[in-house]
Protein backbone atom coordinates (compact mmCIF):
# COMPACT_ATOMS: atom_id res chain seq x y z
CA UNK A 1 -0.01 -0.22 -0.14
CA UNK A 2 2.49 1.91 0.85
CA UNK A 3 4.32 1.79 -2.93
CA UNK A 4 1.04 3.67 -4.29
CA UNK A 5 2.30 6.37 -2.27
CA UNK A 6 5.30 6.94 -3.13
CA UNK A 7 4.49 6.28 -6.47
CA UNK A 8 1.79 8.72 -6.55
CA UNK A 9 4.81 11.16 -4.91
CA UNK A 10 7.02 9.87 -8.03
CA UNK A 11 4.01 10.98 -11.06
CA UNK A 12 4.26 14.23 -9.10
CA UNK A 13 7.82 14.41 -8.92
CA UNK A 14 7.91 14.29 -12.66
CA UNK A 15 5.27 15.20 -13.78
CA UNK A 16 6.61 19.35 -12.35
CA UNK A 17 9.36 18.31 -13.81
CA UNK A 18 8.22 18.30 -16.79
CA UNK A 19 5.99 21.52 -16.53
CA UNK A 20 2.38 20.16 -15.36
CA UNK A 21 2.14 21.66 -12.62
CA UNK A 22 -1.81 21.40 -11.85
CA UNK A 23 -1.29 17.52 -12.88
CA UNK A 24 1.69 17.75 -10.65
CA UNK A 25 -0.09 19.23 -7.19
CA UNK A 26 -3.56 16.64 -7.93
CA UNK A 27 -1.08 13.78 -7.56
CA UNK A 28 0.19 15.57 -4.50
CA UNK A 29 -2.92 16.13 -3.17
CA UNK A 30 -4.49 12.51 -4.17
CA UNK A 31 -0.96 11.14 -2.20
CA UNK A 32 -1.64 13.38 1.02
CA UNK A 33 -5.61 11.51 0.38
CA UNK A 34 -3.66 7.94 0.64
CA UNK A 35 -1.71 8.24 3.34
CA UNK A 36 -5.01 9.12 5.18
CA UNK A 37 -6.38 6.00 4.15
CA UNK A 38 -3.12 3.87 4.99
CA UNK A 39 -3.11 5.32 8.43
CA UNK A 40 -6.51 4.96 9.12
CA UNK A 41 -6.96 1.75 7.59
CA UNK A 42 -3.90 0.44 10.04
CA UNK A 43 -4.68 2.33 12.90
CA UNK A 44 -9.28 1.04 12.49
CA UNK A 45 -7.77 -2.66 11.87
CA UNK A 46 -9.47 -5.90 13.76
CA UNK A 47 -5.90 -7.66 13.81
CA UNK A 48 -3.55 -3.88 15.60
CA UNK A 49 -5.81 -1.13 15.44
CA UNK A 50 -5.44 0.56 18.95
CA UNK A 51 -2.50 -1.12 20.18
CA UNK A 52 0.10 0.07 21.48
CA UNK A 53 2.64 -2.65 22.26
CA UNK A 54 5.73 0.04 23.64
CA UNK A 55 2.66 0.80 26.74
CA UNK A 56 2.46 -2.05 28.44
CA UNK A 57 1.42 -0.54 31.93
CA UNK A 58 -0.88 -3.99 33.24
CA UNK A 59 2.66 -5.56 33.69
CA UNK A 60 4.05 -3.34 35.93
CA UNK A 61 3.09 -3.34 39.53
CA UNK A 62 1.10 0.51 40.43
CA UNK A 63 3.01 0.87 43.31
CA UNK A 64 6.61 0.12 43.85
CA UNK A 65 8.21 -0.70 47.23
CA UNK A 66 11.80 1.56 46.96
CA UNK A 67 13.15 -0.76 49.16
CA UNK A 68 13.83 -4.29 49.29
CA UNK A 69 13.00 -6.58 52.77
C-alpha cells in the first residue's frame, strides 16, 4: 500500500519536472489522501489496530516498593 503512496509522489515529481504543475499538485493531494486512508485503515484494523505494544501498563505494578525486604 505504501508503494502506491510513493508511486503517486514519484508521478507528482515527474509531472513537476515536465512542467505540468496542476497535475503534479493533484498527484500530491492524491498522495496525501492515500496516506490518510492508509493510516486510518491501519488504526481501525481488527488485527492490530489501537494497540500500543510499547505501553504495557498491566505488566508493571502501580506502587512499586522503593526498598526490598
